Amino acid sequence: MNTLNVGDTAPNFTLQNQAGEAVSLQDTLSKGPVLVYFYPKASTPGCTVQAQGLRDIKAQLDGLHVTVFGISPDPVAKLAKFADKQQLNFALLSDEDHAVADGFGVWGQKFFMGKIYDGIHRLSFIVGTDGKISHVLNKFKTKDHHEVVLATLAE
């Protein structure tokens, strides 16, 4: 796993959101910075708490012109159910082949209950309008991720 660092250029990508619409990082950057957060699986407890926190601070993020993209390897239909059930107000993007996760360096070996498998590591990146990574967030709990995001943006 070779995770991107501050100053690296974020890989451009176009993925389908929960409505099946194509969403491009490059097109979105013209509106302001983008929070790209990777999470393992929709509708699991930790991922739900993390998404709810971001949902609840959407107005503050809008005030900072920050767009949120949540990326997981889930199919579009599962993302749609997750977004509807949790009333999420930002884009969830489907990266089924984990190509974008690979590009950001967040797909790799994980360990859980004595098992080794490949999956997404829970990391977040703030991409500036220049397309470069301005912050890498890797020290947070799912329940306070949104607070870490706001504190980082306030720096």
N, C-alpha and C. Protein backbone atom coordinates (compact mmCIF):
# COMPACT_ATOMS: atom_id res chain seq x y z
N MET A 1 0.84 -1.18 0.00
CA MET A 1 0.00 0.00 0.00
C MET A 1 0.89 1.24 0.00
N ASN A 2 0.73 2.07 -0.99
CA ASN A 2 1.53 3.29 -1.12
C ASN A 2 0.58 4.48 -1.08
N THR A 3 0.24 4.92 0.12
CA THR A 3 -0.75 5.97 0.33
C THR A 3 -0.23 7.33 -0.13
N LEU A 4 -1.11 8.09 -0.77
CA LEU A 4 -0.75 9.45 -1.19
C LEU A 4 -0.47 10.32 0.04
N ASN A 5 0.38 11.29 -0.15
CA ASN A 5 0.78 12.21 0.92
C ASN A 5 0.42 13.64 0.55
N VAL A 6 0.51 14.52 1.54
CA VAL A 6 0.30 15.94 1.30
C VAL A 6 1.24 16.40 0.19
N GLY A 7 0.71 17.15 -0.76
CA GLY A 7 1.50 17.65 -1.88
C GLY A 7 1.41 16.79 -3.13
N ASP A 8 0.99 15.54 -2.97
CA ASP A 8 0.82 14.67 -4.14
C ASP A 8 -0.40 15.10 -4.94
N THR A 9 -0.36 14.85 -6.22
CA THR A 9 -1.51 15.14 -7.08
C THR A 9 -2.50 13.99 -6.95
N ALA A 10 -3.75 14.34 -6.67
CA ALA A 10 -4.79 13.31 -6.56
C ALA A 10 -5.10 12.76 -7.94
N PRO A 11 -5.27 11.44 -8.03
CA PRO A 11 -5.64 10.88 -9.33
C PRO A 11 -7.05 11.34 -9.71
N ASN A 12 -7.20 11.78 -10.95
CA ASN A 12 -8.54 12.16 -11.39
C ASN A 12 -9.36 10.89 -11.55
N PHE A 13 -10.63 10.98 -11.26
CA PHE A 13 -11.49 9.82 -11.41
C PHE A 13 -12.90 10.26 -11.76
N THR A 14 -13.62 9.36 -12.36
CA THR A 14 -15.05 9.51 -12.59
C THR A 14 -15.70 8.21 -12.15
N LEU A 15 -16.61 8.32 -11.19
CA LEU A 15 -17.32 7.15 -10.66
C LEU A 15 -18.81 7.44 -10.63
N GLN A 16 -19.60 6.39 -10.51
CA GLN A 16 -21.05 6.57 -10.39
C GLN A 16 -21.43 6.81 -8.94
N ASN A 17 -22.35 7.78 -8.75
CA ASN A 17 -22.85 8.04 -7.41
C ASN A 17 -24.05 7.15 -7.12
N GLN A 18 -24.67 7.35 -5.96
CA GLN A 18 -25.77 6.50 -5.54
C GLN A 18 -26.99 6.60 -6.46
N ALA A 19 -27.05 7.62 -7.30
CA ALA A 19 -28.15 7.75 -8.27
C ALA A 19 -27.76 7.21 -9.64
N GLY A 20 -26.55 6.67 -9.75
CA GLY A 20 -26.10 6.14 -11.03
C GLY A 20 -25.54 7.19 -11.98
N GLU A 21 -25.32 8.40 -11.47
CA GLU A 21 -24.78 9.49 -12.28
C GLU A 21 -23.26 9.52 -12.19
N ALA A 22 -22.61 9.87 -13.29
CA ALA A 22 -21.15 9.97 -13.31
C ALA A 22 -20.72 11.24 -12.59
N VAL A 23 -19.76 11.10 -11.68
CA VAL A 23 -19.23 12.23 -10.91
C VAL A 23 -17.72 12.23 -11.09
N SER A 24 -17.17 13.40 -11.44
CA SER A 24 -15.74 13.53 -11.71
C SER A 24 -15.07 14.43 -10.68
N LEU A 25 -13.94 14.00 -10.19
CA LEU A 25 -13.17 14.83 -9.26
C LEU A 25 -12.77 16.13 -9.94
N GLN A 26 -12.24 16.05 -11.15
CA GLN A 26 -11.74 17.23 -11.85
C GLN A 26 -12.84 18.28 -12.02
N ASP A 27 -14.04 17.85 -12.41
CA ASP A 27 -15.14 18.79 -12.61
C ASP A 27 -15.55 19.45 -11.29
N THR A 28 -15.48 18.71 -10.21
CA THR A 28 -15.93 19.20 -8.90
C THR A 28 -14.94 20.19 -8.29
N LEU A 29 -13.66 20.02 -8.57
CA LEU A 29 -12.63 20.88 -7.98
C LEU A 29 -12.79 22.35 -8.37
N SER A 30 -13.45 22.63 -9.48
CA SER A 30 -13.65 24.02 -9.88
C SER A 30 -14.58 24.76 -8.91
N LYS A 31 -15.33 24.00 -8.09
CA LYS A 31 -16.27 24.60 -7.13
C LYS A 31 -15.64 24.82 -5.76
N GLY A 32 -14.49 24.16 -5.51
CA GLY A 32 -13.85 24.27 -4.20
C GLY A 32 -13.17 22.97 -3.84
N PRO A 33 -12.60 22.90 -2.64
CA PRO A 33 -11.91 21.68 -2.22
C PRO A 33 -12.88 20.50 -2.12
N VAL A 34 -12.32 19.29 -2.17
CA VAL A 34 -13.13 18.07 -2.08
C VAL A 34 -12.57 17.20 -0.96
N LEU A 35 -13.47 16.76 -0.08
CA LEU A 35 -13.13 15.76 0.92
C LEU A 35 -13.42 14.40 0.30
N VAL A 36 -12.38 13.62 0.09
CA VAL A 36 -12.53 12.27 -0.45
C VAL A 36 -12.28 11.33 0.72
N TYR A 37 -13.35 10.67 1.18
CA TYR A 37 -13.14 9.75 2.29
C TYR A 37 -13.48 8.33 1.85
N PHE A 38 -12.62 7.43 2.23
CA PHE A 38 -12.77 6.02 1.88
C PHE A 38 -13.29 5.26 3.09
N TYR A 39 -14.28 4.43 2.86
CA TYR A 39 -14.85 3.61 3.93
C TYR A 39 -15.08 2.20 3.41
N PRO A 40 -14.98 1.21 4.28
CA PRO A 40 -15.01 -0.18 3.82
C PRO A 40 -16.33 -0.69 3.26
N LYS A 41 -17.46 -0.39 3.93
CA LYS A 41 -18.70 -1.05 3.52
C LYS A 41 -19.92 -0.27 4.01
N ALA A 42 -20.81 0.04 3.08
CA ALA A 42 -22.04 0.76 3.42
C ALA A 42 -22.89 -0.04 4.40
N SER A 43 -23.58 0.70 5.25
CA SER A 43 -24.56 0.16 6.20
C SER A 43 -23.96 -0.65 7.34
N THR A 44 -22.65 -0.60 7.52
CA THR A 44 -22.04 -1.22 8.70
C THR A 44 -22.00 -0.16 9.81
N PRO A 45 -21.91 -0.57 11.06
CA PRO A 45 -22.01 0.41 12.16
C PRO A 45 -21.02 1.58 12.08
N GLY A 46 -19.73 1.29 11.90
CA GLY A 46 -18.73 2.36 11.85
C GLY A 46 -18.92 3.28 10.66
N CYS A 47 -19.21 2.71 9.52
CA CYS A 47 -19.40 3.51 8.30
C CYS A 47 -20.66 4.36 8.39
N THR A 48 -21.68 3.84 9.06
CA THR A 48 -22.92 4.59 9.24
C THR A 48 -22.69 5.80 10.13
N VAL A 49 -22.01 5.60 11.26
CA VAL A 49 -21.72 6.71 12.18
C VAL A 49 -20.88 7.77 11.49
N GLN A 50 -19.89 7.35 10.71
CA GLN A 50 -19.03 8.29 10.01
C GLN A 50 -19.85 9.12 9.01
N ALA A 51 -20.70 8.46 8.24
CA ALA A 51 -21.52 9.16 7.24
C ALA A 51 -22.52 10.11 7.91
N GLN A 52 -23.12 9.68 9.01
CA GLN A 52 -24.07 10.54 9.72
C GLN A 52 -23.41 11.81 10.22
N GLY A 53 -22.18 11.70 10.70
CA GLY A 53 -21.46 12.87 11.17
C GLY A 53 -21.24 13.89 10.05
N LEU A 54 -20.86 13.39 8.88
CA LEU A 54 -20.66 14.30 7.74
C LEU A 54 -21.99 14.88 7.27
N ARG A 55 -23.02 14.06 7.30
CA ARG A 55 -24.37 14.55 6.93
C ARG A 55 -24.75 15.73 7.82
N ASP A 56 -24.47 15.61 9.10
CA ASP A 56 -24.91 16.61 10.07
C ASP A 56 -24.13 17.92 10.00
N ILE A 57 -22.96 17.92 9.36
CA ILE A 57 -22.19 19.17 9.24
C ILE A 57 -22.19 19.69 7.80
N LYS A 58 -23.10 19.20 6.99
CA LYS A 58 -23.15 19.58 5.56
C LYS A 58 -23.23 21.09 5.39
N ALA A 59 -24.03 21.77 6.18
CA ALA A 59 -24.16 23.23 6.05
C ALA A 59 -22.82 23.93 6.30
N GLN A 60 -22.07 23.45 7.29
CA GLN A 60 -20.76 24.05 7.56
C GLN A 60 -19.79 23.77 6.41
N LEU A 61 -19.84 22.56 5.87
CA LEU A 61 -18.97 22.24 4.73
C LEU A 61 -19.35 23.07 3.50
N ASP A 62 -20.65 23.24 3.29
CA ASP A 62 -21.11 24.08 2.17
C ASP A 62 -20.59 25.51 2.33
N GLY A 63 -20.59 26.01 3.57
CA GLY A 63 -20.09 27.36 3.83
C GLY A 63 -18.61 27.51 3.49
N LEU A 64 -17.89 26.39 3.53
CA LEU A 64 -16.47 26.39 3.18
C LEU A 64 -16.24 25.96 1.73
N HIS A 65 -17.33 25.75 1.00
CA HIS A 65 -17.31 25.32 -0.41
C HIS A 65 -16.64 23.95 -0.58
N VAL A 66 -16.80 23.08 0.42
CA VAL A 66 -16.21 21.74 0.39
C VAL A 66 -17.26 20.74 -0.07
N THR A 67 -16.91 19.95 -1.08
CA THR A 67 -17.75 18.87 -1.56
C THR A 67 -17.26 17.58 -0.92
N VAL A 68 -18.20 16.71 -0.56
CA VAL A 68 -17.85 15.43 0.08
C VAL A 68 -18.12 14.28 -0.89
N PHE A 69 -17.12 13.41 -1.02
CA PHE A 69 -17.27 12.16 -1.76
C PHE A 69 -16.91 11.02 -0.80
N GLY A 70 -17.86 10.14 -0.55
CA GLY A 70 -17.60 8.93 0.20
C GLY A 70 -17.41 7.80 -0.80
N ILE A 71 -16.29 7.10 -0.74
CA ILE A 71 -15.97 6.06 -1.73
C ILE A 71 -15.82 4.70 -1.05
N SER A 72 -16.51 3.71 -1.60
CA SER A 72 -16.41 2.33 -1.12
C SER A 72 -16.53 1.39 -2.32
N PRO A 73 -16.20 0.12 -2.12
CA PRO A 73 -16.33 -0.84 -3.22
C PRO A 73 -17.76 -1.37 -3.40
N ASP A 74 -18.72 -0.77 -2.73
CA ASP A 74 -20.11 -1.21 -2.83
C ASP A 74 -20.71 -0.87 -4.20
N PRO A 75 -21.64 -1.70 -4.69
CA PRO A 75 -22.34 -1.37 -5.94
C PRO A 75 -23.31 -0.20 -5.74
N VAL A 76 -23.67 0.45 -6.83
CA VAL A 76 -24.53 1.64 -6.80
C VAL A 76 -25.83 1.37 -6.04
N ALA A 77 -26.46 0.23 -6.29
CA ALA A 77 -27.74 -0.07 -5.64
C ALA A 77 -27.61 -0.10 -4.11
N LYS A 78 -26.52 -0.64 -3.60
CA LYS A 78 -26.31 -0.68 -2.15
C LYS A 78 -26.07 0.73 -1.60
N LEU A 79 -25.35 1.54 -2.36
CA LEU A 79 -25.11 2.93 -1.95
C LEU A 79 -26.42 3.71 -1.90
N ALA A 80 -27.31 3.45 -2.87
CA ALA A 80 -28.60 4.14 -2.90
C ALA A 80 -29.42 3.81 -1.66
N LYS A 81 -29.44 2.54 -1.27
CA LYS A 81 -30.19 2.13 -0.07
C LYS A 81 -29.59 2.78 1.18
N PHE A 82 -28.26 2.79 1.27
CA PHE A 82 -27.56 3.40 2.40
C PHE A 82 -27.87 4.89 2.48
N ALA A 83 -27.76 5.58 1.36
CA ALA A 83 -28.01 7.03 1.33
C ALA A 83 -29.45 7.34 1.70
N ASP A 84 -30.40 6.56 1.18
CA ASP A 84 -31.81 6.79 1.49
C ASP A 84 -32.10 6.54 2.96
N LYS A 85 -31.65 5.42 3.46
CA LYS A 85 -31.94 5.05 4.85
C LYS A 85 -31.36 6.05 5.83
N GLN A 86 -30.15 6.54 5.55
CA GLN A 86 -29.47 7.47 6.46
C GLN A 86 -29.70 8.94 6.09
N GLN A 87 -30.50 9.18 5.05
CA GLN A 87 -30.78 10.55 4.57
C GLN A 87 -29.48 11.33 4.34
N LEU A 88 -28.56 10.68 3.62
CA LEU A 88 -27.27 11.31 3.36
C LEU A 88 -27.43 12.38 2.29
N ASN A 89 -26.71 13.47 2.46
CA ASN A 89 -26.85 14.65 1.60
C ASN A 89 -25.55 14.96 0.85
N PHE A 90 -24.81 13.92 0.55
CA PHE A 90 -23.57 14.06 -0.22
C PHE A 90 -23.40 12.82 -1.07
N ALA A 91 -22.44 12.87 -1.98
CA ALA A 91 -22.25 11.79 -2.96
C ALA A 91 -21.51 10.60 -2.37
N LEU A 92 -22.11 9.43 -2.53
CA LEU A 92 -21.43 8.16 -2.27
C LEU A 92 -21.06 7.60 -3.63
N LEU A 93 -19.81 7.21 -3.79
CA LEU A 93 -19.32 6.78 -5.10
C LEU A 93 -18.92 5.31 -5.05
N SER A 94 -19.29 4.60 -6.12
CA SER A 94 -19.03 3.17 -6.22
C SER A 94 -17.70 2.91 -6.92
N ASP A 95 -16.80 2.25 -6.22
CA ASP A 95 -15.47 1.90 -6.74
C ASP A 95 -15.32 0.37 -6.66
N GLU A 96 -16.20 -0.33 -7.38
CA GLU A 96 -16.28 -1.80 -7.26
C GLU A 96 -14.97 -2.50 -7.59
N ASP A 97 -14.22 -1.97 -8.56
CA ASP A 97 -12.95 -2.62 -8.92
C ASP A 97 -11.78 -2.06 -8.10
N HIS A 98 -12.08 -1.19 -7.17
CA HIS A 98 -11.16 -0.51 -6.25
C HIS A 98 -9.99 0.18 -6.97
N ALA A 99 -10.20 0.61 -8.20
CA ALA A 99 -9.14 1.30 -8.95
C ALA A 99 -8.82 2.66 -8.33
N VAL A 100 -9.85 3.38 -7.88
CA VAL A 100 -9.60 4.69 -7.26
C VAL A 100 -8.93 4.50 -5.90
N ALA A 101 -9.40 3.51 -5.14
CA ALA A 101 -8.76 3.21 -3.85
C ALA A 101 -7.29 2.85 -4.06
N ASP A 102 -7.00 2.07 -5.11
CA ASP A 102 -5.61 1.75 -5.43
C ASP A 102 -4.82 3.03 -5.74
N GLY A 103 -5.44 3.92 -6.52
CA GLY A 103 -4.77 5.16 -6.92
C GLY A 103 -4.41 6.06 -5.74
N PHE A 104 -5.28 6.05 -4.72
CA PHE A 104 -5.01 6.84 -3.52
C PHE A 104 -4.15 6.07 -2.52
N GLY A 105 -3.93 4.79 -2.78
CA GLY A 105 -3.10 3.97 -1.91
C GLY A 105 -3.80 3.53 -0.64
N VAL A 106 -5.12 3.32 -0.71
CA VAL A 106 -5.86 2.92 0.48
C VAL A 106 -6.41 1.49 0.38
N TRP A 107 -6.10 0.78 -0.70
CA TRP A 107 -6.51 -0.61 -0.84
C TRP A 107 -5.31 -1.47 -0.48
N GLY A 108 -5.50 -2.38 0.47
CA GLY A 108 -4.38 -3.23 0.86
C GLY A 108 -4.78 -4.27 1.87
N GLN A 109 -3.78 -4.92 2.40
CA GLN A 109 -3.99 -6.03 3.33
C GLN A 109 -4.53 -5.52 4.67
N LYS A 110 -5.56 -6.23 5.15
CA LYS A 110 -6.17 -5.90 6.43
C LYS A 110 -6.22 -7.17 7.28
N PHE A 111 -6.34 -6.96 8.57
CA PHE A 111 -6.43 -8.07 9.52
C PHE A 111 -7.66 -7.88 10.38
N PHE A 112 -8.50 -8.91 10.47
CA PHE A 112 -9.68 -8.83 11.32
C PHE A 112 -10.02 -10.21 11.86
N MET A 113 -10.07 -10.32 13.16
CA MET A 113 -10.41 -11.57 13.84
C MET A 113 -9.57 -12.75 13.34
N GLY A 114 -8.27 -12.49 13.21
CA GLY A 114 -7.35 -13.54 12.81
C GLY A 114 -7.31 -13.84 11.33
N LYS A 115 -8.09 -13.11 10.55
CA LYS A 115 -8.11 -13.34 9.10
C LYS A 115 -7.39 -12.20 8.38
N ILE A 116 -6.75 -12.56 7.30
CA ILE A 116 -6.06 -11.58 6.45
C ILE A 116 -6.84 -11.49 5.15
N TYR A 117 -7.12 -10.27 4.71
CA TYR A 117 -7.85 -10.07 3.45
C TYR A 117 -7.49 -8.70 2.89
N ASP A 118 -7.84 -8.47 1.64
CA ASP A 118 -7.62 -7.16 1.02
C ASP A 118 -8.89 -6.33 1.14
N GLY A 119 -8.70 -5.05 1.41
CA GLY A 119 -9.85 -4.15 1.53
C GLY A 119 -9.41 -2.71 1.64
N ILE A 120 -10.40 -1.85 1.81
CA ILE A 120 -10.15 -0.40 1.92
C ILE A 120 -9.75 -0.06 3.35
N HIS A 121 -8.71 0.74 3.46
CA HIS A 121 -8.30 1.31 4.74
C HIS A 121 -9.02 2.64 4.89
N ARG A 122 -9.55 2.90 6.06
CA ARG A 122 -10.37 4.08 6.31
C ARG A 122 -9.45 5.32 6.42
N LEU A 123 -9.35 6.05 5.33
CA LEU A 123 -8.54 7.27 5.28
C LEU A 123 -9.34 8.34 4.56
N SER A 124 -9.01 9.59 4.84
CA SER A 124 -9.66 10.71 4.17
C SER A 124 -8.60 11.67 3.64
N PHE A 125 -8.94 12.28 2.53
CA PHE A 125 -8.04 13.22 1.87
C PHE A 125 -8.80 14.50 1.56
N ILE A 126 -8.17 15.62 1.79
CA ILE A 126 -8.73 16.89 1.32
C ILE A 126 -7.91 17.28 0.11
N VAL A 127 -8.62 17.43 -1.01
CA VAL A 127 -7.98 17.77 -2.29
C VAL A 127 -8.28 19.23 -2.57
N GLY A 128 -7.22 20.02 -2.73
CA GLY A 128 -7.38 21.44 -3.02
C GLY A 128 -7.80 21.67 -4.47
N THR A 129 -8.21 22.88 -4.77
CA THR A 129 -8.68 23.21 -6.12
C THR A 129 -7.57 23.04 -7.17
N ASP A 130 -6.32 22.96 -6.72
CA ASP A 130 -5.20 22.73 -7.64
C ASP A 130 -5.01 21.24 -7.94
N GLY A 131 -5.86 20.39 -7.33
CA GLY A 131 -5.76 18.95 -7.57
C GLY A 131 -4.75 18.24 -6.69
N LYS A 132 -4.13 18.98 -5.77
CA LYS A 132 -3.13 18.38 -4.88
C LYS A 132 -3.75 18.07 -3.51
N ILE A 133 -3.20 17.04 -2.88
CA ILE A 133 -3.65 16.65 -1.55
C ILE A 133 -3.16 17.71 -0.56
N SER A 134 -4.09 18.36 0.14
CA SER A 134 -3.68 19.36 1.13
C SER A 134 -3.62 18.77 2.54
N HIS A 135 -4.42 17.71 2.79
CA HIS A 135 -4.42 17.05 4.10
C HIS A 135 -4.73 15.57 3.94
N VAL A 136 -4.09 14.76 4.76
CA VAL A 136 -4.40 13.34 4.85
C VAL A 136 -4.86 13.10 6.28
N LEU A 137 -6.08 12.59 6.43
CA LEU A 137 -6.63 12.33 7.76
C LEU A 137 -6.62 10.83 7.99
N ASN A 138 -5.81 10.40 8.95
CA ASN A 138 -5.71 8.97 9.22
C ASN A 138 -5.77 8.65 10.71
N LYS A 139 -5.91 9.66 11.53
CA LYS A 139 -6.00 9.45 12.97
C LYS A 139 -7.33 10.00 13.47
N PHE A 140 -8.35 9.16 13.43
CA PHE A 140 -9.67 9.56 13.89
C PHE A 140 -10.49 8.31 14.20
N LYS A 141 -11.52 8.51 14.98
CA LYS A 141 -12.51 7.46 15.22
C LYS A 141 -13.70 7.80 14.33
N THR A 142 -14.44 6.80 13.93
CA THR A 142 -15.57 7.07 13.02
C THR A 142 -16.55 8.06 13.62
N LYS A 143 -16.74 8.02 14.93
CA LYS A 143 -17.72 8.91 15.56
C LYS A 143 -17.27 10.37 15.61
N ASP A 144 -15.96 10.63 15.49
CA ASP A 144 -15.49 12.02 15.51
C ASP A 144 -14.81 12.46 14.21
N HIS A 145 -14.95 11.67 13.18
CA HIS A 145 -14.35 12.00 11.88
C HIS A 145 -14.77 13.39 11.42
N HIS A 146 -16.06 13.69 11.51
CA HIS A 146 -16.56 14.99 11.05
C HIS A 146 -15.93 16.15 11.83
N GLU A 147 -15.67 15.96 13.12
CA GLU A 147 -15.03 17.00 13.92
C GLU A 147 -13.58 17.20 13.48
N VAL A 148 -12.89 16.11 13.18
CA VAL A 148 -11.51 16.17 12.68
C VAL A 148 -11.48 16.91 11.34
N VAL A 149 -12.44 16.62 10.48
CA VAL A 149 -12.53 17.30 9.17
C VAL A 149 -12.68 18.79 9.38
N LEU A 150 -13.63 19.22 10.21
CA LEU A 150 -13.84 20.64 10.44
C LEU A 150 -12.62 21.31 11.06
N ALA A 151 -12.00 20.66 12.02
CA ALA A 151 -10.81 21.24 12.66
C ALA A 151 -9.68 21.39 11.65
N THR A 152 -9.53 20.41 10.77
CA THR A 152 -8.48 20.46 9.75
C THR A 152 -8.75 21.59 8.76
N LEU A 153 -9.99 21.74 8.36
CA LEU A 153 -10.34 22.80 7.41
C LEU A 153 -10.18 24.18 8.03
N ALA A 154 -10.28 24.28 9.35
CA ALA A 154 -10.15 25.55 10.05
C ALA A 154 -8.69 26.00 10.17
N GLU A 155 -7.74 25.07 9.94
CA GLU A 155 -6.31 25.40 10.08
C GLU A 155 -5.88 26.47 9.10
